[in-house]
PDB file of all heavy atoms in Angstrom:
ATOM      1  N   GLY A   1      13.969 -16.541   7.681  1.00  0.00           N
ATOM      2  CA  GLY A   1      12.915 -15.962   8.510  1.00  0.00           C
ATOM      3  C   GLY A   1      12.888 -14.454   8.553  1.00  0.00           C
ATOM      4  O   GLY A   1      12.006 -13.865   9.178  1.00  0.00           O
ATOM      5  N   ALA A   2      13.810 -13.793   7.888  1.00  0.00           N
ATOM      6  CA  ALA A   2      13.849 -12.324   7.872  1.00  0.00           C
ATOM      7  C   ALA A   2      12.733 -11.775   6.991  1.00  0.00           C
ATOM      8  O   ALA A   2      12.111 -12.506   6.221  1.00  0.00           O
ATOM      9  CB  ALA A   2      15.215 -11.854   7.375  1.00  0.00           C
ATOM     10  N   GLU A   3      12.485 -10.455   7.115  1.00  0.00           N
ATOM     11  CA  GLU A   3      11.388  -9.886   6.347  1.00  0.00           C
ATOM     12  C   GLU A   3      11.571  -8.407   6.055  1.00  0.00           C
ATOM     13  O   GLU A   3      12.307  -7.698   6.746  1.00  0.00           O
ATOM     14  CB  GLU A   3      10.066 -10.080   7.075  1.00  0.00           C
ATOM     15  CG  GLU A   3       9.961  -9.360   8.386  1.00  0.00           C
ATOM     16  CD  GLU A   3       8.685  -9.675   9.150  1.00  0.00           C
ATOM     17  OE1 GLU A   3       8.217 -10.828   9.105  1.00  0.00           O
ATOM     18  OE2 GLU A   3       8.175  -8.757   9.798  1.00  0.00           O
ATOM     19  N   ILE A   4      10.861  -7.964   5.038  1.00  0.00           N
ATOM     20  CA  ILE A   4      10.613  -6.554   4.767  1.00  0.00           C
ATOM     21  C   ILE A   4       9.134  -6.372   5.039  1.00  0.00           C
ATOM     22  O   ILE A   4       8.302  -7.117   4.509  1.00  0.00           O
ATOM     23  CB  ILE A   4      11.002  -6.175   3.330  1.00  0.00           C
ATOM     24  CG1 ILE A   4      12.519  -6.246   3.193  1.00  0.00           C
ATOM     25  CG2 ILE A   4      10.469  -4.794   2.980  1.00  0.00           C
ATOM     26  CD1 ILE A   4      13.034  -5.931   1.814  1.00  0.00           C
ATOM     27  N   ASN A   5       8.772  -5.385   5.885  1.00  0.00           N
ATOM     28  CA  ASN A   5       7.428  -5.336   6.445  1.00  0.00           C
ATOM     29  C   ASN A   5       6.930  -3.897   6.518  1.00  0.00           C
ATOM     30  O   ASN A   5       7.582  -3.040   7.105  1.00  0.00           O
ATOM     31  CB  ASN A   5       7.501  -5.951   7.846  1.00  0.00           C
ATOM     32  CG  ASN A   5       6.190  -6.015   8.553  1.00  0.00           C
ATOM     33  OD1 ASN A   5       5.211  -5.396   8.166  1.00  0.00           O
ATOM     34  ND2 ASN A   5       6.169  -6.766   9.635  1.00  0.00           N
ATOM     35  N   SER A   6       5.761  -3.647   5.929  1.00  0.00           N
ATOM     36  CA  SER A   6       5.103  -2.332   6.052  1.00  0.00           C
ATOM     37  C   SER A   6       3.664  -2.586   6.509  1.00  0.00           C
ATOM     38  O   SER A   6       2.770  -2.704   5.685  1.00  0.00           O
ATOM     39  CB  SER A   6       5.142  -1.569   4.727  1.00  0.00           C
ATOM     40  OG  SER A   6       4.550  -2.314   3.696  1.00  0.00           O
ATOM     41  N   SER A   7       3.474  -2.711   7.812  1.00  0.00           N
ATOM     42  CA  SER A   7       2.208  -3.180   8.359  1.00  0.00           C
ATOM     43  C   SER A   7       1.657  -2.262   9.435  1.00  0.00           C
ATOM     44  O   SER A   7       2.390  -1.511  10.066  1.00  0.00           O
ATOM     45  CB  SER A   7       2.394  -4.578   8.963  1.00  0.00           C
ATOM     46  OG  SER A   7       2.804  -5.493   7.981  1.00  0.00           O
ATOM     47  N   SER A   8       0.337  -2.374   9.661  1.00  0.00           N
ATOM     48  CA  SER A   8      -0.328  -1.682  10.752  1.00  0.00           C
ATOM     49  C   SER A   8      -0.973  -2.724  11.649  1.00  0.00           C
ATOM     50  O   SER A   8      -1.895  -3.420  11.230  1.00  0.00           O
ATOM     51  CB  SER A   8      -1.393  -0.722  10.229  1.00  0.00           C
ATOM     52  OG  SER A   8      -2.082  -0.158  11.322  1.00  0.00           O
ATOM     53  N   ILE A   9      -0.457  -2.841  12.856  1.00  0.00           N
ATOM     54  CA  ILE A   9      -0.995  -3.809  13.810  1.00  0.00           C
ATOM     55  C   ILE A   9      -2.239  -3.242  14.479  1.00  0.00           C
ATOM     56  O   ILE A   9      -3.063  -3.951  14.996  1.00  0.00           O
ATOM     57  CB  ILE A   9       0.091  -4.189  14.838  1.00  0.00           C
ATOM     58  CG1 ILE A   9       1.252  -4.864  14.113  1.00  0.00           C
ATOM     59  CG2 ILE A   9      -0.454  -5.110  15.914  1.00  0.00           C
ATOM     60  CD1 ILE A   9       2.463  -5.092  14.952  1.00  0.00           C
ATOM     61  N   GLY A  10      -2.414  -1.915  14.420  1.00  0.00           N
ATOM     62  CA  GLY A  10      -3.594  -1.267  14.990  1.00  0.00           C
ATOM     63  C   GLY A  10      -4.700  -1.135  13.961  1.00  0.00           C
ATOM     64  O   GLY A  10      -4.961  -2.052  13.195  1.00  0.00           O
ATOM     65  N   GLY A  11      -5.317   0.026  13.895  1.00  0.00           N
ATOM     66  CA  GLY A  11      -6.473   0.212  13.030  1.00  0.00           C
ATOM     67  C   GLY A  11      -6.184   0.893  11.710  1.00  0.00           C
ATOM     68  O   GLY A  11      -7.113   1.177  10.967  1.00  0.00           O
ATOM     69  N   GLY A  12      -4.932   1.166  11.385  1.00  0.00           N
ATOM     70  CA  GLY A  12      -4.618   1.873  10.151  1.00  0.00           C
ATOM     71  C   GLY A  12      -4.413   0.945   8.972  1.00  0.00           C
ATOM     72  O   GLY A  12      -4.479  -0.279   9.085  1.00  0.00           O
ATOM     73  N   SER A  13      -4.144   1.546   7.827  1.00  0.00           N
ATOM     74  CA  SER A  13      -3.863   0.789   6.614  1.00  0.00           C
ATOM     75  C   SER A  13      -2.391   0.405   6.561  1.00  0.00           C
ATOM     76  O   SER A  13      -1.548   1.063   7.164  1.00  0.00           O
ATOM     77  CB  SER A  13      -4.209   1.624   5.375  1.00  0.00           C
ATOM     78  OG  SER A  13      -5.595   1.859   5.325  1.00  0.00           O
ATOM     79  N   GLY A  14      -2.113  -0.660   5.820  1.00  0.00           N
ATOM     80  CA  GLY A  14      -0.731  -1.079   5.614  1.00  0.00           C
ATOM     81  C   GLY A  14      -0.013  -0.091   4.713  1.00  0.00           C
ATOM     82  O   GLY A  14      -0.630   0.582   3.894  1.00  0.00           O
ATOM     83  N   GLY A  15       1.277  -0.005   4.850  1.00  0.00           N
ATOM     84  CA  GLY A  15       2.064   0.881   3.999  1.00  0.00           C
ATOM     85  C   GLY A  15       2.380   0.226   2.665  1.00  0.00           C
ATOM     86  O   GLY A  15       2.271  -0.990   2.508  1.00  0.00           O
ATOM     87  N   ASN A  16       2.767   1.044   1.708  1.00  0.00           N
ATOM     88  CA  ASN A  16       3.183   0.527   0.409  1.00  0.00           C
ATOM     89  C   ASN A  16       4.662   0.189   0.443  1.00  0.00           C
ATOM     90  O   ASN A  16       5.448   0.886   1.080  1.00  0.00           O
ATOM     91  CB  ASN A  16       2.919   1.555  -0.689  1.00  0.00           C
ATOM     92  CG  ASN A  16       1.437   1.811  -0.866  1.00  0.00           C
ATOM     93  OD1 ASN A  16       0.627   0.894  -0.765  1.00  0.00           O
ATOM     94  ND2 ASN A  16       1.077   3.054  -1.124  1.00  0.00           N
ATOM     95  N   THR A  17       5.027  -0.874  -0.247  1.00  0.00           N
ATOM     96  CA  THR A  17       6.417  -1.290  -0.353  1.00  0.00           C
ATOM     97  C   THR A  17       6.806  -1.265  -1.821  1.00  0.00           C
ATOM     98  O   THR A  17       6.151  -1.912  -2.644  1.00  0.00           O
ATOM     99  CB  THR A  17       6.620  -2.711   0.212  1.00  0.00           C
ATOM    100  OG1 THR A  17       6.251  -2.714   1.586  1.00  0.00           O
ATOM    101  CG2 THR A  17       8.062  -3.160   0.077  1.00  0.00           C
ATOM    102  N   ASP A  18       7.846  -0.507  -2.153  1.00  0.00           N
ATOM    103  CA  ASP A  18       8.361  -0.430  -3.519  1.00  0.00           C
ATOM    104  C   ASP A  18       9.805  -0.907  -3.514  1.00  0.00           C
ATOM    105  O   ASP A  18      10.656  -0.313  -2.840  1.00  0.00           O
ATOM    106  CB  ASP A  18       8.295   1.010  -4.042  1.00  0.00           C
ATOM    107  CG  ASP A  18       6.870   1.502  -4.187  1.00  0.00           C
ATOM    108  OD1 ASP A  18       6.084   0.815  -4.877  1.00  0.00           O
ATOM    109  OD2 ASP A  18       6.540   2.554  -3.616  1.00  0.00           O
ATOM    110  N   LEU A  19      10.053  -1.976  -4.268  1.00  0.00           N
ATOM    111  CA  LEU A  19      11.396  -2.545  -4.357  1.00  0.00           C
ATOM    112  C   LEU A  19      11.879  -2.450  -5.797  1.00  0.00           C
ATOM    113  O   LEU A  19      11.163  -2.850  -6.724  1.00  0.00           O
ATOM    114  CB  LEU A  19      11.396  -4.009  -3.922  1.00  0.00           C
ATOM    115  CG  LEU A  19      10.854  -4.309  -2.524  1.00  0.00           C
ATOM    116  CD1 LEU A  19      10.826  -5.803  -2.273  1.00  0.00           C
ATOM    117  CD2 LEU A  19      11.670  -3.592  -1.465  1.00  0.00           C
ATOM    118  N   VAL A  20      13.087  -1.936  -5.979  1.00  0.00           N
ATOM    119  CA  VAL A  20      13.720  -1.863  -7.291  1.00  0.00           C
ATOM    120  C   VAL A  20      15.063  -2.550  -7.151  1.00  0.00           C
ATOM    121  O   VAL A  20      15.890  -2.149  -6.325  1.00  0.00           O
ATOM    122  CB  VAL A  20      13.904  -0.396  -7.756  1.00  0.00           C
ATOM    123  CG1 VAL A  20      14.604  -0.343  -9.101  1.00  0.00           C
ATOM    124  CG2 VAL A  20      12.576   0.334  -7.789  1.00  0.00           C
ATOM    125  N   ALA A  21      15.273  -3.616  -7.951  1.00  0.00           N
ATOM    126  CA  ALA A  21      16.514  -4.379  -7.821  1.00  0.00           C
ATOM    127  C   ALA A  21      16.844  -5.079  -9.130  1.00  0.00           C
ATOM    128  O   ALA A  21      15.961  -5.337  -9.954  1.00  0.00           O
ATOM    129  CB  ALA A  21      16.385  -5.414  -6.708  1.00  0.00           C
ATOM    130  N   GLU A  22      18.114  -5.403  -9.282  1.00  0.00           N
ATOM    131  CA  GLU A  22      18.502  -6.268 -10.394  1.00  0.00           C
ATOM    132  C   GLU A  22      17.980  -7.673 -10.117  1.00  0.00           C
ATOM    133  O   GLU A  22      17.437  -8.319 -10.998  1.00  0.00           O
ATOM    134  CB  GLU A  22      20.015  -6.277 -10.562  1.00  0.00           C
ATOM    135  CG  GLU A  22      20.567  -4.945 -11.047  1.00  0.00           C
ATOM    136  CD  GLU A  22      22.075  -4.912 -11.040  1.00  0.00           C
ATOM    137  OE1 GLU A  22      22.720  -5.992 -11.022  1.00  0.00           O
ATOM    138  OE2 GLU A  22      22.628  -3.798 -11.052  1.00  0.00           O
ATOM    139  N   SER A  23      18.155  -8.140  -8.871  1.00  0.00           N
ATOM    140  CA  SER A  23      17.680  -9.476  -8.505  1.00  0.00           C
ATOM    141  C   SER A  23      17.241  -9.501  -7.050  1.00  0.00           C
ATOM    142  O   SER A  23      17.749  -8.745  -6.224  1.00  0.00           O
ATOM    143  CB  SER A  23      18.777 -10.517  -8.737  1.00  0.00           C
ATOM    144  OG  SER A  23      19.886 -10.257  -7.897  1.00  0.00           O
ATOM    145  N   ILE A  24      16.269 -10.386  -6.762  1.00  0.00           N
ATOM    146  CA  ILE A  24      15.795 -10.593  -5.396  1.00  0.00           C
ATOM    147  C   ILE A  24      15.791 -12.084  -5.133  1.00  0.00           C
ATOM    148  O   ILE A  24      15.261 -12.872  -5.927  1.00  0.00           O
ATOM    149  CB  ILE A  24      14.386 -10.012  -5.179  1.00  0.00           C
ATOM    150  CG1 ILE A  24      14.407  -8.492  -5.376  1.00  0.00           C
ATOM    151  CG2 ILE A  24      13.853 -10.378  -3.791  1.00  0.00           C
ATOM    152  CD1 ILE A  24      13.046  -7.825  -5.271  1.00  0.00           C
ATOM    153  N   ASN A  25      16.391 -12.474  -4.012  1.00  0.00           N
ATOM    154  CA  ASN A  25      16.460 -13.873  -3.614  1.00  0.00           C
ATOM    155  C   ASN A  25      15.802 -14.028  -2.250  1.00  0.00           C
ATOM    156  O   ASN A  25      16.273 -13.460  -1.263  1.00  0.00           O
ATOM    157  CB  ASN A  25      17.919 -14.334  -3.558  1.00  0.00           C
ATOM    158  CG  ASN A  25      18.053 -15.797  -3.235  1.00  0.00           C
ATOM    159  OD1 ASN A  25      17.156 -16.594  -3.513  1.00  0.00           O
ATOM    160  ND2 ASN A  25      19.175 -16.162  -2.648  1.00  0.00           N
ATOM    161  N   LEU A  26      14.692 -14.777  -2.206  1.00  0.00           N
ATOM    162  CA  LEU A  26      14.007 -15.075  -0.949  1.00  0.00           C
ATOM    163  C   LEU A  26      14.231 -16.545  -0.620  1.00  0.00           C
ATOM    164  O   LEU A  26      13.861 -17.413  -1.407  1.00  0.00           O
ATOM    165  CB  LEU A  26      12.503 -14.812  -1.063  1.00  0.00           C
ATOM    166  CG  LEU A  26      12.055 -13.412  -1.431  1.00  0.00           C
ATOM    167  CD1 LEU A  26      10.549 -13.365  -1.603  1.00  0.00           C
ATOM    168  CD2 LEU A  26      12.491 -12.419  -0.390  1.00  0.00           C
ATOM    169  N   GLU A  27      14.855 -16.807   0.509  1.00  0.00           N
ATOM    170  CA  GLU A  27      15.019 -18.177   1.011  1.00  0.00           C
ATOM    171  C   GLU A  27      14.477 -18.186   2.429  1.00  0.00           C
ATOM    172  O   GLU A  27      15.143 -17.736   3.348  1.00  0.00           O
ATOM    173  CB  GLU A  27      16.484 -18.598   1.003  1.00  0.00           C
ATOM    174  CG  GLU A  27      17.031 -18.835  -0.383  1.00  0.00           C
ATOM    175  CD  GLU A  27      18.427 -19.423  -0.339  1.00  0.00           C
ATOM    176  OE1 GLU A  27      18.683 -20.333   0.466  1.00  0.00           O
ATOM    177  OE2 GLU A  27      19.261 -18.941  -1.127  1.00  0.00           O
TER     178      GLU A  27
END
């Protein structure tokens, strides 16, 4: 249930997310 989050709950735009990794595991 964890997250990486770049969001605007108000009236703005969402942020950009840049991930650089050897591996990513989402469970």
